[in-house]
Amino acid sequence: MLNKIIKFFLENKLVTFLVLILFVLWGIATSPFNWETGILPNDPVPVDAIPDIGENQQIVYTEWPGRSPQDIEDQISYPLTTTLL
């Protein structure tokens, strides 16, 4: 089977060249580099080198003038944080 495919492409050089050009154009069209080719559609495959697998975090800043940091933490920040979770 593989010998027949190899023999076909060796005997038909024009078909081999056209298939090669087709693969090269397909590779350029789907490359993730956002190349402006003009005639080819620009639809690059998105690439995420380092996926974000961490937990989502939100930082809560609270102010209460005249109160100690411990009071703010106990009475505002902690109840707000547990409610948001």
PDB file of N, CA and C in Angstrom:
ATOM      1  N   MET A   1       0.831  -1.193   0.000  1.00  0.00           N
ATOM      2  CA  MET A   1       0.000   0.000   0.000  1.00  0.00           C
ATOM      3  C   MET A   1       0.868   1.247   0.000  1.00  0.00           C
ATOM      4  N   LEU A   2       1.822   1.329   0.927  1.00  0.00           N
ATOM      5  CA  LEU A   2       2.688   2.494   1.001  1.00  0.00           C
ATOM      6  C   LEU A   2       3.593   2.585  -0.222  1.00  0.00           C
ATOM      7  N   ASN A   3       4.017   1.434  -0.729  1.00  0.00           N
ATOM      8  CA  ASN A   3       4.846   1.430  -1.940  1.00  0.00           C
ATOM      9  C   ASN A   3       4.084   1.995  -3.135  1.00  0.00           C
ATOM     10  N   LYS A   4       2.792   1.704  -3.233  1.00  0.00           N
ATOM     11  CA  LYS A   4       1.979   2.222  -4.335  1.00  0.00           C
ATOM     12  C   LYS A   4       1.837   3.741  -4.243  1.00  0.00           C
ATOM     13  N   ILE A   5       1.671   4.251  -3.016  1.00  0.00           N
ATOM     14  CA  ILE A   5       1.539   5.700  -2.830  1.00  0.00           C
ATOM     15  C   ILE A   5       2.846   6.396  -3.186  1.00  0.00           C
ATOM     16  N   ILE A   6       3.955   5.839  -2.741  1.00  0.00           N
ATOM     17  CA  ILE A   6       5.260   6.422  -3.053  1.00  0.00           C
ATOM     18  C   ILE A   6       5.513   6.385  -4.557  1.00  0.00           C
ATOM     19  N   LYS A   7       5.192   5.263  -5.197  1.00  0.00           N
ATOM     20  CA  LYS A   7       5.387   5.134  -6.648  1.00  0.00           C
ATOM     21  C   LYS A   7       4.522   6.138  -7.399  1.00  0.00           C
ATOM     22  N   PHE A   8       3.269   6.342  -6.940  1.00  0.00           N
ATOM     23  CA  PHE A   8       2.375   7.307  -7.582  1.00  0.00           C
ATOM     24  C   PHE A   8       2.969   8.709  -7.540  1.00  0.00           C
ATOM     25  N   PHE A   9       3.469   9.125  -6.365  1.00  0.00           N
ATOM     26  CA  PHE A   9       4.013  10.474  -6.241  1.00  0.00           C
ATOM     27  C   PHE A   9       5.344  10.629  -6.977  1.00  0.00           C
ATOM     28  N   LEU A  10       6.119   9.561  -7.101  1.00  0.00           N
ATOM     29  CA  LEU A  10       7.353   9.635  -7.879  1.00  0.00           C
ATOM     30  C   LEU A  10       7.078   9.738  -9.374  1.00  0.00           C
ATOM     31  N   GLU A  11       6.040   9.098  -9.832  1.00  0.00           N
ATOM     32  CA  GLU A  11       5.707   9.129 -11.257  1.00  0.00           C
ATOM     33  C   GLU A  11       4.942  10.389 -11.653  1.00  0.00           C
ATOM     34  N   ASN A  12       4.194  10.982 -10.744  1.00  0.00           N
ATOM     35  CA  ASN A  12       3.379  12.159 -11.047  1.00  0.00           C
ATOM     36  C   ASN A  12       3.933  13.375 -10.298  1.00  0.00           C
ATOM     37  N   LYS A  13       4.937  13.985 -10.893  1.00  0.00           N
ATOM     38  CA  LYS A  13       5.624  15.092 -10.230  1.00  0.00           C
ATOM     39  C   LYS A  13       4.737  16.335 -10.137  1.00  0.00           C
ATOM     40  N   LEU A  14       3.856  16.560 -11.096  1.00  0.00           N
ATOM     41  CA  LEU A  14       2.970  17.719 -11.045  1.00  0.00           C
ATOM     42  C   LEU A  14       1.984  17.595  -9.887  1.00  0.00           C
ATOM     43  N   VAL A  15       1.413  16.419  -9.703  1.00  0.00           N
ATOM     44  CA  VAL A  15       0.494  16.195  -8.583  1.00  0.00           C
ATOM     45  C   VAL A  15       1.238  16.357  -7.260  1.00  0.00           C
ATOM     46  N   THR A  16       2.469  15.847  -7.192  1.00  0.00           N
ATOM     47  CA  THR A  16       3.284  15.983  -5.982  1.00  0.00           C
ATOM     48  C   THR A  16       3.532  17.451  -5.671  1.00  0.00           C
ATOM     49  N   PHE A  17       3.880  18.224  -6.687  1.00  0.00           N
ATOM     50  CA  PHE A  17       4.135  19.650  -6.493  1.00  0.00           C
ATOM     51  C   PHE A  17       2.872  20.389  -6.046  1.00  0.00           C
ATOM     52  N   LEU A  18       1.730  20.078  -6.637  1.00  0.00           N
ATOM     53  CA  LEU A  18       0.474  20.740  -6.268  1.00  0.00           C
ATOM     54  C   LEU A  18       0.056  20.384  -4.838  1.00  0.00           C
ATOM     55  N   VAL A  19       0.234  19.140  -4.442  1.00  0.00           N
ATOM     56  CA  VAL A  19      -0.085  18.732  -3.069  1.00  0.00           C
ATOM     57  C   VAL A  19       0.844  19.427  -2.084  1.00  0.00           C
ATOM     58  N   LEU A  20       2.126  19.543  -2.446  1.00  0.00           N
ATOM     59  CA  LEU A  20       3.080  20.238  -1.589  1.00  0.00           C
ATOM     60  C   LEU A  20       2.692  21.705  -1.417  1.00  0.00           C
ATOM     61  N   ILE A  21       2.344  22.380  -2.506  1.00  0.00           N
ATOM     62  CA  ILE A  21       1.917  23.782  -2.426  1.00  0.00           C
ATOM     63  C   ILE A  21       0.659  23.907  -1.583  1.00  0.00           C
ATOM     64  N   LEU A  22      -0.272  22.968  -1.729  1.00  0.00           N
ATOM     65  CA  LEU A  22      -1.503  23.000  -0.937  1.00  0.00           C
ATOM     66  C   LEU A  22      -1.205  22.877   0.556  1.00  0.00           C
ATOM     67  N   PHE A  23      -0.306  21.975   0.929  1.00  0.00           N
ATOM     68  CA  PHE A  23       0.062  21.808   2.340  1.00  0.00           C
ATOM     69  C   PHE A  23       0.776  23.039   2.889  1.00  0.00           C
ATOM     70  N   VAL A  24       1.629  23.652   2.102  1.00  0.00           N
ATOM     71  CA  VAL A  24       2.341  24.853   2.552  1.00  0.00           C
ATOM     72  C   VAL A  24       1.356  25.999   2.768  1.00  0.00           C
ATOM     73  N   LEU A  25       0.439  26.215   1.845  1.00  0.00           N
ATOM     74  CA  LEU A  25      -0.556  27.283   1.997  1.00  0.00           C
ATOM     75  C   LEU A  25      -1.478  27.024   3.182  1.00  0.00           C
ATOM     76  N   TRP A  26      -1.852  25.777   3.392  1.00  0.00           N
ATOM     77  CA  TRP A  26      -2.692  25.419   4.535  1.00  0.00           C
ATOM     78  C   TRP A  26      -1.943  25.690   5.835  1.00  0.00           C
ATOM     79  N   GLY A  27      -0.653  25.363   5.886  1.00  0.00           N
ATOM     80  CA  GLY A  27       0.157  25.625   7.070  1.00  0.00           C
ATOM     81  C   GLY A  27       0.294  27.108   7.355  1.00  0.00           C
ATOM     82  N   ILE A  28       0.458  27.913   6.316  1.00  0.00           N
ATOM     83  CA  ILE A  28       0.557  29.367   6.509  1.00  0.00           C
ATOM     84  C   ILE A  28      -0.777  29.934   6.983  1.00  0.00           C
ATOM     85  N   ALA A  29      -1.877  29.445   6.425  1.00  0.00           N
ATOM     86  CA  ALA A  29      -3.197  29.967   6.797  1.00  0.00           C
ATOM     87  C   ALA A  29      -3.555  29.640   8.234  1.00  0.00           C
ATOM     88  N   THR A  30      -3.087  28.526   8.753  1.00  0.00           N
ATOM     89  CA  THR A  30      -3.441  28.135  10.123  1.00  0.00           C
ATOM     90  C   THR A  30      -2.321  28.372  11.116  1.00  0.00           C
ATOM     91  N   SER A  31      -1.289  29.078  10.714  1.00  0.00           N
ATOM     92  CA  SER A  31      -0.172  29.339  11.629  1.00  0.00           C
ATOM     93  C   SER A  31      -0.613  30.311  12.721  1.00  0.00           C
ATOM     94  N   PRO A  32      -0.067  30.186  13.924  1.00  0.00           N
ATOM     95  CA  PRO A  32      -0.495  31.043  15.035  1.00  0.00           C
ATOM     96  C   PRO A  32       0.227  32.385  15.083  1.00  0.00           C
ATOM     97  N   PHE A  33       0.862  32.817  13.996  1.00  0.00           N
ATOM     98  CA  PHE A  33       1.690  34.001  14.036  1.00  0.00           C
ATOM     99  C   PHE A  33       1.002  35.252  13.522  1.00  0.00           C
ATOM    100  N   ASN A  34      -0.250  35.180  13.106  1.00  0.00           N
ATOM    101  CA  ASN A  34      -1.032  36.325  12.643  1.00  0.00           C
ATOM    102  C   ASN A  34      -0.343  37.034  11.476  1.00  0.00           C
ATOM    103  N   TRP A  35       0.096  36.261  10.485  1.00  0.00           N
ATOM    104  CA  TRP A  35       0.734  36.825   9.302  1.00  0.00           C
ATOM    105  C   TRP A  35      -0.322  37.432   8.395  1.00  0.00           C
ATOM    106  N   GLU A  36      -0.033  38.575   7.831  1.00  0.00           N
ATOM    107  CA  GLU A  36      -0.921  39.222   6.864  1.00  0.00           C
ATOM    108  C   GLU A  36      -0.517  38.754   5.468  1.00  0.00           C
ATOM    109  N   THR A  37      -1.182  37.750   4.932  1.00  0.00           N
ATOM    110  CA  THR A  37      -0.822  37.204   3.633  1.00  0.00           C
ATOM    111  C   THR A  37      -1.592  37.869   2.506  1.00  0.00           C
ATOM    112  N   GLY A  38      -2.704  38.472   2.778  1.00  0.00           N
ATOM    113  CA  GLY A  38      -3.474  39.157   1.745  1.00  0.00           C
ATOM    114  C   GLY A  38      -4.509  38.270   1.084  1.00  0.00           C
ATOM    115  N   ILE A  39      -4.070  37.199   0.415  1.00  0.00           N
ATOM    116  CA  ILE A  39      -5.013  36.365  -0.328  1.00  0.00           C
ATOM    117  C   ILE A  39      -5.541  35.194   0.495  1.00  0.00           C
ATOM    118  N   LEU A  40      -4.778  34.781   1.484  1.00  0.00           N
ATOM    119  CA  LEU A  40      -5.213  33.653   2.312  1.00  0.00           C
ATOM    120  C   LEU A  40      -6.051  34.155   3.480  1.00  0.00           C
ATOM    121  N   PRO A  41      -7.040  33.387   3.910  1.00  0.00           N
ATOM    122  CA  PRO A  41      -7.820  33.803   5.080  1.00  0.00           C
ATOM    123  C   PRO A  41      -6.946  33.822   6.326  1.00  0.00           C
ATOM    124  N   ASN A  42      -7.198  34.800   7.171  1.00  0.00           N
ATOM    125  CA  ASN A  42      -6.396  34.947   8.383  1.00  0.00           C
ATOM    126  C   ASN A  42      -7.187  34.405   9.559  1.00  0.00           C
ATOM    127  N   ASP A  43      -7.022  33.118   9.844  1.00  0.00           N
ATOM    128  CA  ASP A  43      -7.724  32.464  10.936  1.00  0.00           C
ATOM    129  C   ASP A  43      -6.738  31.607  11.720  1.00  0.00           C
ATOM    130  N   PRO A  44      -5.844  32.254  12.477  1.00  0.00           N
ATOM    131  CA  PRO A  44      -4.815  31.464  13.167  1.00  0.00           C
ATOM    132  C   PRO A  44      -5.405  30.616  14.286  1.00  0.00           C
ATOM    133  N   VAL A  45      -4.759  29.516  14.555  1.00  0.00           N
ATOM    134  CA  VAL A  45      -5.146  28.623  15.642  1.00  0.00           C
ATOM    135  C   VAL A  45      -4.645  29.239  16.948  1.00  0.00           C
ATOM    136  N   PRO A  46      -5.510  29.431  17.944  1.00  0.00           N
ATOM    137  CA  PRO A  46      -5.045  30.026  19.188  1.00  0.00           C
ATOM    138  C   PRO A  46      -4.086  29.083  19.921  1.00  0.00           C
ATOM    139  N   VAL A  47      -3.034  29.677  20.469  1.00  0.00           N
ATOM    140  CA  VAL A  47      -2.028  28.910  21.185  1.00  0.00           C
ATOM    141  C   VAL A  47      -1.897  29.474  22.588  1.00  0.00           C
ATOM    142  N   ASP A  48      -2.011  28.633  23.577  1.00  0.00           N
ATOM    143  CA  ASP A  48      -1.829  29.038  24.959  1.00  0.00           C
ATOM    144  C   ASP A  48      -0.650  28.257  25.501  1.00  0.00           C
ATOM    145  N   ALA A  49       0.502  28.931  25.604  1.00  0.00           N
ATOM    146  CA  ALA A  49       1.724  28.233  25.986  1.00  0.00           C
ATOM    147  C   ALA A  49       1.664  27.742  27.429  1.00  0.00           C
ATOM    148  N   ILE A  50       1.150  28.579  28.317  1.00  0.00           N
ATOM    149  CA  ILE A  50       1.056  28.198  29.719  1.00  0.00           C
ATOM    150  C   ILE A  50      -0.408  28.368  30.143  1.00  0.00           C
ATOM    151  N   PRO A  51      -1.169  27.300  30.204  1.00  0.00           N
ATOM    152  CA  PRO A  51      -2.582  27.436  30.570  1.00  0.00           C
ATOM    153  C   PRO A  51      -2.737  27.842  32.034  1.00  0.00           C
ATOM    154  N   ASP A  52      -3.773  28.599  32.310  1.00  0.00           N
ATOM    155  CA  ASP A  52      -4.058  29.044  33.668  1.00  0.00           C
ATOM    156  C   ASP A  52      -4.877  27.962  34.369  1.00  0.00           C
ATOM    157  N   ILE A  53      -4.240  27.225  35.273  1.00  0.00           N
ATOM    158  CA  ILE A  53      -4.939  26.158  35.979  1.00  0.00           C
ATOM    159  C   ILE A  53      -5.168  26.518  37.442  1.00  0.00           C
ATOM    160  N   GLY A  54      -4.831  27.743  37.817  1.00  0.00           N
ATOM    161  CA  GLY A  54      -5.000  28.168  39.199  1.00  0.00           C
ATOM    162  C   GLY A  54      -6.440  28.544  39.495  1.00  0.00           C
ATOM    163  N   GLU A  55      -6.714  28.741  40.760  1.00  0.00           N
ATOM    164  CA  GLU A  55      -8.047  29.139  41.170  1.00  0.00           C
ATOM    165  C   GLU A  55      -8.251  30.623  40.889  1.00  0.00           C
ATOM    166  N   ASN A  56      -9.496  30.992  40.653  1.00  0.00           N
ATOM    167  CA  ASN A  56      -9.823  32.405  40.471  1.00  0.00           C
ATOM    168  C   ASN A  56      -9.767  33.102  41.819  1.00  0.00           C
ATOM    169  N   GLN A  57      -9.164  34.281  41.832  1.00  0.00           N
ATOM    170  CA  GLN A  57      -9.020  35.024  43.080  1.00  0.00           C
ATOM    171  C   GLN A  57      -9.519  36.446  42.894  1.00  0.00           C
ATOM    172  N   GLN A  58     -10.091  36.975  43.940  1.00  0.00           N
ATOM    173  CA  GLN A  58     -10.504  38.375  43.983  1.00  0.00           C
ATOM    174  C   GLN A  58      -9.915  38.992  45.235  1.00  0.00           C
ATOM    175  N   ILE A  59      -9.425  40.206  45.119  1.00  0.00           N
ATOM    176  CA  ILE A  59      -8.872  40.910  46.268  1.00  0.00           C
ATOM    177  C   ILE A  59      -9.910  41.919  46.736  1.00  0.00           C
ATOM    178  N   VAL A  60     -10.207  41.885  48.023  1.00  0.00           N
ATOM    179  CA  VAL A  60     -11.221  42.774  48.602  1.00  0.00           C
ATOM    180  C   VAL A  60     -10.519  43.774  49.510  1.00  0.00           C
ATOM    181  N   TYR A  61     -10.657  45.063  49.185  1.00  0.00           N
ATOM    182  CA  TYR A  61     -10.123  46.131  50.035  1.00  0.00           C
ATOM    183  C   TYR A  61     -11.299  46.783  50.750  1.00  0.00           C
ATOM    184  N   THR A  62     -11.202  46.887  52.038  1.00  0.00           N
ATOM    185  CA  THR A  62     -12.269  47.542  52.804  1.00  0.00           C
ATOM    186  C   THR A  62     -11.675  48.624  53.686  1.00  0.00           C
ATOM    187  N   GLU A  63     -12.419  49.707  53.836  1.00  0.00           N
ATOM    188  CA  GLU A  63     -11.999  50.808  54.698  1.00  0.00           C
ATOM    189  C   GLU A  63     -13.119  51.115  55.683  1.00  0.00           C
ATOM    190  N   TRP A  64     -12.727  51.448  56.883  1.00  0.00           N
ATOM    191  CA  TRP A  64     -13.667  51.887  57.907  1.00  0.00           C
ATOM    192  C   TRP A  64     -12.896  52.848  58.801  1.00  0.00           C
ATOM    193  N   PRO A  65     -12.974  54.141  58.517  1.00  0.00           N
ATOM    194  CA  PRO A  65     -12.176  55.110  59.262  1.00  0.00           C
ATOM    195  C   PRO A  65     -12.472  55.053  60.763  1.00  0.00           C
ATOM    196  N   GLY A  66     -11.411  55.075  61.547  1.00  0.00           N
ATOM    197  CA  GLY A  66     -11.543  55.084  62.997  1.00  0.00           C
ATOM    198  C   GLY A  66     -11.602  53.712  63.629  1.00  0.00           C
ATOM    199  N   ARG A  67     -11.532  52.636  62.831  1.00  0.00           N
ATOM    200  CA  ARG A  67     -11.580  51.272  63.372  1.00  0.00           C
ATOM    201  C   ARG A  67     -10.224  50.603  63.211  1.00  0.00           C
ATOM    202  N   SER A  68      -9.950  49.644  64.054  1.00  0.00           N
ATOM    203  CA  SER A  68      -8.684  48.921  63.974  1.00  0.00           C
ATOM    204  C   SER A  68      -8.743  47.924  62.815  1.00  0.00           C
ATOM    205  N   PRO A  69      -7.565  47.519  62.282  1.00  0.00           N
ATOM    206  CA  PRO A  69      -7.554  46.527  61.208  1.00  0.00           C
ATOM    207  C   PRO A  69      -8.229  45.207  61.587  1.00  0.00           C
ATOM    208  N   GLN A  70      -8.107  44.815  62.838  1.00  0.00           N
ATOM    209  CA  GLN A  70      -8.742  43.568  63.269  1.00  0.00           C
ATOM    210  C   GLN A  70     -10.259  43.689  63.238  1.00  0.00           C
ATOM    211  N   ASP A  71     -10.808  44.849  63.653  1.00  0.00           N
ATOM    212  CA  ASP A  71     -12.255  45.064  63.582  1.00  0.00           C
ATOM    213  C   ASP A  71     -12.745  45.034  62.135  1.00  0.00           C
ATOM    214  N   ILE A  72     -11.989  45.667  61.248  1.00  0.00           N
ATOM    215  CA  ILE A  72     -12.384  45.682  59.832  1.00  0.00           C
ATOM    216  C   ILE A  72     -12.366  44.261  59.270  1.00  0.00           C
ATOM    217  N   GLU A  73     -11.332  43.505  59.617  1.00  0.00           N
ATOM    218  CA  GLU A  73     -11.240  42.122  59.138  1.00  0.00           C
ATOM    219  C   GLU A  73     -12.396  41.277  59.666  1.00  0.00           C
ATOM    220  N   ASP A  74     -12.692  41.391  60.972  1.00  0.00           N
ATOM    221  CA  ASP A  74     -13.728  40.558  61.591  1.00  0.00           C
ATOM    222  C   ASP A  74     -15.137  40.949  61.174  1.00  0.00           C
ATOM    223  N   GLN A  75     -15.394  42.244  61.025  1.00  0.00           N
ATOM    224  CA  GLN A  75     -16.767  42.703  60.811  1.00  0.00           C
ATOM    225  C   GLN A  75     -17.122  42.995  59.349  1.00  0.00           C
ATOM    226  N   ILE A  76     -16.126  43.229  58.506  1.00  0.00           N
ATOM    227  CA  ILE A  76     -16.436  43.560  57.113  1.00  0.00           C
ATOM    228  C   ILE A  76     -15.801  42.554  56.143  1.00  0.00           C
ATOM    229  N   SER A  77     -14.478  42.449  56.162  1.00  0.00           N
ATOM    230  CA  SER A  77     -13.771  41.678  55.141  1.00  0.00           C
ATOM    231  C   SER A  77     -14.119  40.192  55.163  1.00  0.00           C
ATOM    232  N   TYR A  78     -14.071  39.564  56.329  1.00  0.00           N
ATOM    233  CA  TYR A  78     -14.345  38.125  56.408  1.00  0.00           C
ATOM    234  C   TYR A  78     -15.795  37.797  56.038  1.00  0.00           C
ATOM    235  N   PRO A  79     -16.808  38.500  56.604  1.00  0.00           N
ATOM    236  CA  PRO A  79     -18.181  38.181  56.172  1.00  0.00           C
ATOM    237  C   PRO A  79     -18.420  38.448  54.685  1.00  0.00           C
ATOM    238  N   LEU A  80     -17.801  39.509  54.145  1.00  0.00           N
ATOM    239  CA  LEU A  80     -17.967  39.796  52.720  1.00  0.00           C
ATOM    240  C   LEU A  80     -17.315  38.715  51.866  1.00  0.00           C
ATOM    241  N   THR A  81     -16.146  38.264  52.244  1.00  0.00           N
ATOM    242  CA  THR A  81     -15.436  37.228  51.513  1.00  0.00           C
ATOM    243  C   THR A  81     -16.209  35.900  51.536  1.00  0.00           C
ATOM    244  N   THR A  82     -16.708  35.507  52.684  1.00  0.00           N
ATOM    245  CA  THR A  82     -17.464  34.243  52.745  1.00  0.00           C
ATOM    246  C   THR A  82     -18.759  34.327  51.983  1.00  0.00           C
ATOM    247  N   THR A  83     -19.380  35.504  51.946  1.00  0.00           N
ATOM    248  CA  THR A  83     -20.608  35.665  51.170  1.00  0.00           C
ATOM    249  C   THR A  83     -20.326  35.581  49.672  1.00  0.00           C
ATOM    250  N   LEU A  84     -19.210  36.166  49.233  1.00  0.00           N
ATOM    251  CA  LEU A  84     -18.866  36.140  47.813  1.00  0.00           C
ATOM    252  C   LEU A  84     -18.453  34.754  47.337  1.00  0.00           C
ATOM    253  N   LEU A  85     -17.945  33.920  48.233  1.00  0.00           N
ATOM    254  CA  LEU A  85     -17.557  32.572  47.812  1.00  0.00           C
ATOM    255  C   LEU A  85     -18.797  31.760  47.488  1.00  0.00           C
TER     256      LEU A  85
END
